[in-house]
Amino acid sequence: MQAQIGERLLIHGKKVGTADLVAEIVEVKGKNGGPPYLVRYPDGHETLMYPGPDCVVEHAE
């Protein structure tokens, strides 16, 4: 997985009926765009993430 600052990370819900989460990538700490990523959720909460198979990067156009 590779990402750049400003792209969005889509985290799919793990249970039926659970909404997906979207977070903005504010810092890329890995080499060549790799994880971990510092992400910010719409409510302002920030966390360091190593995305799993339930995550997709929405690349900027």
PDB file of N, CA and C in Angstrom:
ATOM      1  N   MET A   1       0.849  -1.171   0.000  1.00  0.00           N
ATOM      2  CA  MET A   1       0.000   0.000   0.000  1.00  0.00           C
ATOM      3  C   MET A   1       0.893   1.231   0.000  1.00  0.00           C
ATOM      4  N   GLN A   2       0.556   2.195  -0.863  1.00  0.00           N
ATOM      5  CA  GLN A   2       1.279   3.456  -0.922  1.00  0.00           C
ATOM      6  C   GLN A   2       0.284   4.602  -0.918  1.00  0.00           C
ATOM      7  N   ALA A   3       0.667   5.689  -0.265  1.00  0.00           N
ATOM      8  CA  ALA A   3      -0.214   6.851  -0.169  1.00  0.00           C
ATOM      9  C   ALA A   3       0.613   8.120  -0.074  1.00  0.00           C
ATOM     10  N   GLN A   4      -0.077   9.240  -0.254  1.00  0.00           N
ATOM     11  CA  GLN A   4       0.542  10.552  -0.122  1.00  0.00           C
ATOM     12  C   GLN A   4      -0.293  11.397   0.824  1.00  0.00           C
ATOM     13  N   ILE A   5       0.336  12.420   1.366  1.00  0.00           N
ATOM     14  CA  ILE A   5      -0.368  13.351   2.241  1.00  0.00           C
ATOM     15  C   ILE A   5      -1.539  13.953   1.481  1.00  0.00           C
ATOM     16  N   GLY A   6      -2.684  14.045   2.132  1.00  0.00           N
ATOM     17  CA  GLY A   6      -3.881  14.620   1.545  1.00  0.00           C
ATOM     18  C   GLY A   6      -4.833  13.595   0.962  1.00  0.00           C
ATOM     19  N   GLU A   7      -4.359  12.382   0.724  1.00  0.00           N
ATOM     20  CA  GLU A   7      -5.250  11.338   0.229  1.00  0.00           C
ATOM     21  C   GLU A   7      -6.092  10.823   1.388  1.00  0.00           C
ATOM     22  N   ARG A   8      -7.133  10.064   1.037  1.00  0.00           N
ATOM     23  CA  ARG A   8      -8.036   9.556   2.057  1.00  0.00           C
ATOM     24  C   ARG A   8      -7.865   8.059   2.220  1.00  0.00           C
ATOM     25  N   LEU A   9      -8.017   7.618   3.461  1.00  0.00           N
ATOM     26  CA  LEU A   9      -7.965   6.201   3.792  1.00  0.00           C
ATOM     27  C   LEU A   9      -9.386   5.767   4.146  1.00  0.00           C
ATOM     28  N   LEU A  10      -9.902   4.813   3.382  1.00  0.00           N
ATOM     29  CA  LEU A  10     -11.243   4.284   3.602  1.00  0.00           C
ATOM     30  C   LEU A  10     -11.111   2.991   4.389  1.00  0.00           C
ATOM     31  N   ILE A  11     -11.746   2.947   5.559  1.00  0.00           N
ATOM     32  CA  ILE A  11     -11.699   1.776   6.426  1.00  0.00           C
ATOM     33  C   ILE A  11     -13.082   1.140   6.406  1.00  0.00           C
ATOM     34  N   HIS A  12     -13.186  -0.040   5.799  1.00  0.00           N
ATOM     35  CA  HIS A  12     -14.471  -0.723   5.678  1.00  0.00           C
ATOM     36  C   HIS A  12     -14.934  -1.237   7.039  1.00  0.00           C
ATOM     37  N   GLY A  13     -16.261  -1.161   7.278  1.00  0.00           N
ATOM     38  CA  GLY A  13     -16.839  -1.694   8.507  1.00  0.00           C
ATOM     39  C   GLY A  13     -16.610  -3.196   8.600  1.00  0.00           C
ATOM     40  N   LYS A  14     -16.364  -3.689   9.793  1.00  0.00           N
ATOM     41  CA  LYS A  14     -16.033  -5.104   9.983  1.00  0.00           C
ATOM     42  C   LYS A  14     -17.258  -5.989  10.207  1.00  0.00           C
ATOM     43  N   LYS A  15     -18.395  -5.372  10.471  1.00  0.00           N
ATOM     44  CA  LYS A  15     -19.631  -6.124  10.701  1.00  0.00           C
ATOM     45  C   LYS A  15     -20.698  -5.617   9.747  1.00  0.00           C
ATOM     46  N   VAL A  16     -21.624  -6.475   9.417  1.00  0.00           N
ATOM     47  CA  VAL A  16     -22.742  -6.084   8.559  1.00  0.00           C
ATOM     48  C   VAL A  16     -23.493  -4.934   9.235  1.00  0.00           C
ATOM     49  N   GLY A  17     -23.744  -3.882   8.482  1.00  0.00           N
ATOM     50  CA  GLY A  17     -24.474  -2.738   9.013  1.00  0.00           C
ATOM     51  C   GLY A  17     -23.586  -1.675   9.633  1.00  0.00           C
ATOM     52  N   THR A  18     -22.302  -1.946   9.791  1.00  0.00           N
ATOM     53  CA  THR A  18     -21.378  -0.966  10.355  1.00  0.00           C
ATOM     54  C   THR A  18     -20.895  -0.050   9.234  1.00  0.00           C
ATOM     55  N   ALA A  19     -20.968   1.240   9.458  1.00  0.00           N
ATOM     56  CA  ALA A  19     -20.565   2.210   8.439  1.00  0.00           C
ATOM     57  C   ALA A  19     -19.060   2.202   8.224  1.00  0.00           C
ATOM     58  N   ASP A  20     -18.658   2.531   6.993  1.00  0.00           N
ATOM     59  CA  ASP A  20     -17.244   2.697   6.695  1.00  0.00           C
ATOM     60  C   ASP A  20     -16.760   3.999   7.334  1.00  0.00           C
ATOM     61  N   LEU A  21     -15.465   4.063   7.635  1.00  0.00           N
ATOM     62  CA  LEU A  21     -14.845   5.273   8.165  1.00  0.00           C
ATOM     63  C   LEU A  21     -13.915   5.842   7.106  1.00  0.00           C
ATOM     64  N   VAL A  22     -13.780   7.161   7.095  1.00  0.00           N
ATOM     65  CA  VAL A  22     -12.874   7.816   6.174  1.00  0.00           C
ATOM     66  C   VAL A  22     -11.970   8.729   6.994  1.00  0.00           C
ATOM     67  N   ALA A  23     -10.663   8.667   6.714  1.00  0.00           N
ATOM     68  CA  ALA A  23      -9.699   9.505   7.413  1.00  0.00           C
ATOM     69  C   ALA A  23      -8.758  10.130   6.385  1.00  0.00           C
ATOM     70  N   GLU A  24      -8.315  11.339   6.651  1.00  0.00           N
ATOM     71  CA  GLU A  24      -7.355  12.012   5.777  1.00  0.00           C
ATOM     72  C   GLU A  24      -5.939  11.665   6.222  1.00  0.00           C
ATOM     73  N   ILE A  25      -5.079  11.357   5.289  1.00  0.00           N
ATOM     74  CA  ILE A  25      -3.677  11.067   5.604  1.00  0.00           C
ATOM     75  C   ILE A  25      -2.950  12.398   5.754  1.00  0.00           C
ATOM     76  N   VAL A  26      -2.441  12.661   6.966  1.00  0.00           N
ATOM     77  CA  VAL A  26      -1.764  13.931   7.240  1.00  0.00           C
ATOM     78  C   VAL A  26      -0.248  13.780   7.316  1.00  0.00           C
ATOM     79  N   GLU A  27       0.241  12.543   7.438  1.00  0.00           N
ATOM     80  CA  GLU A  27       1.689  12.308   7.447  1.00  0.00           C
ATOM     81  C   GLU A  27       1.964  10.859   7.063  1.00  0.00           C
ATOM     82  N   VAL A  28       2.973  10.688   6.194  1.00  0.00           N
ATOM     83  CA  VAL A  28       3.400   9.352   5.780  1.00  0.00           C
ATOM     84  C   VAL A  28       4.737   9.097   6.461  1.00  0.00           C
ATOM     85  N   LYS A  29       4.799   8.098   7.318  1.00  0.00           N
ATOM     86  CA  LYS A  29       6.009   7.838   8.094  1.00  0.00           C
ATOM     87  C   LYS A  29       6.869   6.719   7.514  1.00  0.00           C
ATOM     88  N   GLY A  30       6.333   5.932   6.578  1.00  0.00           N
ATOM     89  CA  GLY A  30       7.082   4.832   5.976  1.00  0.00           C
ATOM     90  C   GLY A  30       7.862   5.292   4.754  1.00  0.00           C
ATOM     91  N   LYS A  31       8.666   4.399   4.226  1.00  0.00           N
ATOM     92  CA  LYS A  31       9.464   4.688   3.041  1.00  0.00           C
ATOM     93  C   LYS A  31       8.612   4.573   1.789  1.00  0.00           C
ATOM     94  N   ASN A  32       8.865   5.445   0.822  1.00  0.00           N
ATOM     95  CA  ASN A  32       8.218   5.404  -0.493  1.00  0.00           C
ATOM     96  C   ASN A  32       6.690   5.372  -0.408  1.00  0.00           C
ATOM     97  N   GLY A  33       6.125   6.117   0.520  1.00  0.00           N
ATOM     98  CA  GLY A  33       4.669   6.198   0.642  1.00  0.00           C
ATOM     99  C   GLY A  33       4.020   5.064   1.406  1.00  0.00           C
ATOM    100  N   GLY A  34       4.831   4.215   2.030  1.00  0.00           N
ATOM    101  CA  GLY A  34       4.292   3.077   2.776  1.00  0.00           C
ATOM    102  C   GLY A  34       3.883   3.447   4.187  1.00  0.00           C
ATOM    103  N   PRO A  35       3.162   2.551   4.855  1.00  0.00           N
ATOM    104  CA  PRO A  35       2.731   2.787   6.235  1.00  0.00           C
ATOM    105  C   PRO A  35       3.905   2.757   7.203  1.00  0.00           C
ATOM    106  N   PRO A  36       3.731   3.294   8.374  1.00  0.00           N
ATOM    107  CA  PRO A  36       2.470   3.754   8.975  1.00  0.00           C
ATOM    108  C   PRO A  36       2.095   5.154   8.499  1.00  0.00           C
ATOM    109  N   TYR A  37       0.809   5.473   8.691  1.00  0.00           N
ATOM    110  CA  TYR A  37       0.261   6.773   8.322  1.00  0.00           C
ATOM    111  C   TYR A  37      -0.343   7.438   9.551  1.00  0.00           C
ATOM    112  N   LEU A  38      -0.104   8.738   9.672  1.00  0.00           N
ATOM    113  CA  LEU A  38      -0.819   9.526  10.669  1.00  0.00           C
ATOM    114  C   LEU A  38      -2.074  10.015   9.966  1.00  0.00           C
ATOM    115  N   VAL A  39      -3.241   9.651  10.499  1.00  0.00           N
ATOM    116  CA  VAL A  39      -4.509  10.004   9.866  1.00  0.00           C
ATOM    117  C   VAL A  39      -5.354  10.858  10.804  1.00  0.00           C
ATOM    118  N   ARG A  40      -6.213  11.675  10.179  1.00  0.00           N
ATOM    119  CA  ARG A  40      -7.133  12.529  10.951  1.00  0.00           C
ATOM    120  C   ARG A  40      -8.561  12.218  10.510  1.00  0.00           C
ATOM    121  N   TYR A  41      -9.404  11.898  11.478  1.00  0.00           N
ATOM    122  CA  TYR A  41     -10.816  11.640  11.234  1.00  0.00           C
ATOM    123  C   TYR A  41     -11.587  12.963  11.192  1.00  0.00           C
ATOM    124  N   PRO A  42     -12.778  12.970  10.614  1.00  0.00           N
ATOM    125  CA  PRO A  42     -13.566  14.215  10.515  1.00  0.00           C
ATOM    126  C   PRO A  42     -13.821  14.912  11.852  1.00  0.00           C
ATOM    127  N   ASP A  43     -13.839  14.148  12.960  1.00  0.00           N
ATOM    128  CA  ASP A  43     -14.072  14.768  14.271  1.00  0.00           C
ATOM    129  C   ASP A  43     -12.810  15.389  14.865  1.00  0.00           C
ATOM    130  N   GLY A  44     -11.672  15.322  14.116  1.00  0.00           N
ATOM    131  CA  GLY A  44     -10.417  15.921  14.569  1.00  0.00           C
ATOM    132  C   GLY A  44      -9.471  14.954  15.249  1.00  0.00           C
ATOM    133  N   HIS A  45      -9.935  13.760  15.582  1.00  0.00           N
ATOM    134  CA  HIS A  45      -9.102  12.744  16.228  1.00  0.00           C
ATOM    135  C   HIS A  45      -8.004  12.295  15.272  1.00  0.00           C
ATOM    136  N   GLU A  46      -6.760  12.204  15.768  1.00  0.00           N
ATOM    137  CA  GLU A  46      -5.640  11.728  14.962  1.00  0.00           C
ATOM    138  C   GLU A  46      -5.077  10.457  15.574  1.00  0.00           C
ATOM    139  N   THR A  47      -4.607   9.559  14.712  1.00  0.00           N
ATOM    140  CA  THR A  47      -4.013   8.312  15.177  1.00  0.00           C
ATOM    141  C   THR A  47      -3.005   7.811  14.151  1.00  0.00           C
ATOM    142  N   LEU A  48      -2.069   7.005  14.600  1.00  0.00           N
ATOM    143  CA  LEU A  48      -1.083   6.373  13.738  1.00  0.00           C
ATOM    144  C   LEU A  48      -1.630   5.016  13.326  1.00  0.00           C
ATOM    145  N   MET A  49      -1.663   4.737  12.016  1.00  0.00           N
ATOM    146  CA  MET A  49      -2.276   3.501  11.521  1.00  0.00           C
ATOM    147  C   MET A  49      -1.333   2.701  10.639  1.00  0.00           C
ATOM    148  N   TYR A  50      -1.371   1.411  10.828  1.00  0.00           N
ATOM    149  CA  TYR A  50      -0.812   0.438   9.901  1.00  0.00           C
ATOM    150  C   TYR A  50      -2.035  -0.222   9.263  1.00  0.00           C
ATOM    151  N   PRO A  51      -2.474   0.244   8.090  1.00  0.00           N
ATOM    152  CA  PRO A  51      -3.715  -0.258   7.500  1.00  0.00           C
ATOM    153  C   PRO A  51      -3.672  -1.753   7.228  1.00  0.00           C
ATOM    154  N   GLY A  52      -4.807  -2.403   7.470  1.00  0.00           N
ATOM    155  CA  GLY A  52      -4.950  -3.827   7.213  1.00  0.00           C
ATOM    156  C   GLY A  52      -5.688  -4.069   5.907  1.00  0.00           C
ATOM    157  N   PRO A  53      -6.088  -5.300   5.687  1.00  0.00           N
ATOM    158  CA  PRO A  53      -6.766  -5.653   4.435  1.00  0.00           C
ATOM    159  C   PRO A  53      -8.163  -5.035   4.296  1.00  0.00           C
ATOM    160  N   ASP A  54      -8.675  -4.448   5.360  1.00  0.00           N
ATOM    161  CA  ASP A  54      -9.992  -3.811   5.304  1.00  0.00           C
ATOM    162  C   ASP A  54      -9.898  -2.333   4.938  1.00  0.00           C
ATOM    163  N   CYS A  55      -8.708  -1.865   4.533  1.00  0.00           N
ATOM    164  CA  CYS A  55      -8.488  -0.455   4.213  1.00  0.00           C
ATOM    165  C   CYS A  55      -8.110  -0.280   2.742  1.00  0.00           C
ATOM    166  N   VAL A  56      -8.535   0.854   2.182  1.00  0.00           N
ATOM    167  CA  VAL A  56      -8.227   1.211   0.800  1.00  0.00           C
ATOM    168  C   VAL A  56      -7.832   2.684   0.758  1.00  0.00           C
ATOM    169  N   VAL A  57      -6.777   3.002  -0.001  1.00  0.00           N
ATOM    170  CA  VAL A  57      -6.382   4.385  -0.179  1.00  0.00           C
ATOM    171  C   VAL A  57      -7.144   4.950  -1.371  1.00  0.00           C
ATOM    172  N   GLU A  58      -7.805   6.091  -1.154  1.00  0.00           N
ATOM    173  CA  GLU A  58      -8.456   6.816  -2.254  1.00  0.00           C
ATOM    174  C   GLU A  58      -7.450   7.836  -2.732  1.00  0.00           C
ATOM    175  N   HIS A  59      -6.806   7.539  -3.872  1.00  0.00           N
ATOM    176  CA  HIS A  59      -5.749   8.402  -4.388  1.00  0.00           C
ATOM    177  C   HIS A  59      -6.315   9.698  -4.954  1.00  0.00           C
ATOM    178  N   ALA A  60      -5.558  10.773  -4.782  1.00  0.00           N
ATOM    179  CA  ALA A  60      -5.939  12.082  -5.341  1.00  0.00           C
ATOM    180  C   ALA A  60      -5.810  12.022  -6.861  1.00  0.00           C
ATOM    181  N   GLU A  61      -6.615  12.801  -7.539  1.00  0.00           N
ATOM    182  CA  GLU A  61      -6.569  12.774  -9.002  1.00  0.00           C
ATOM    183  C   GLU A  61      -5.615  13.797  -9.551  1.00  0.00           C
TER     184      GLU A  61
END
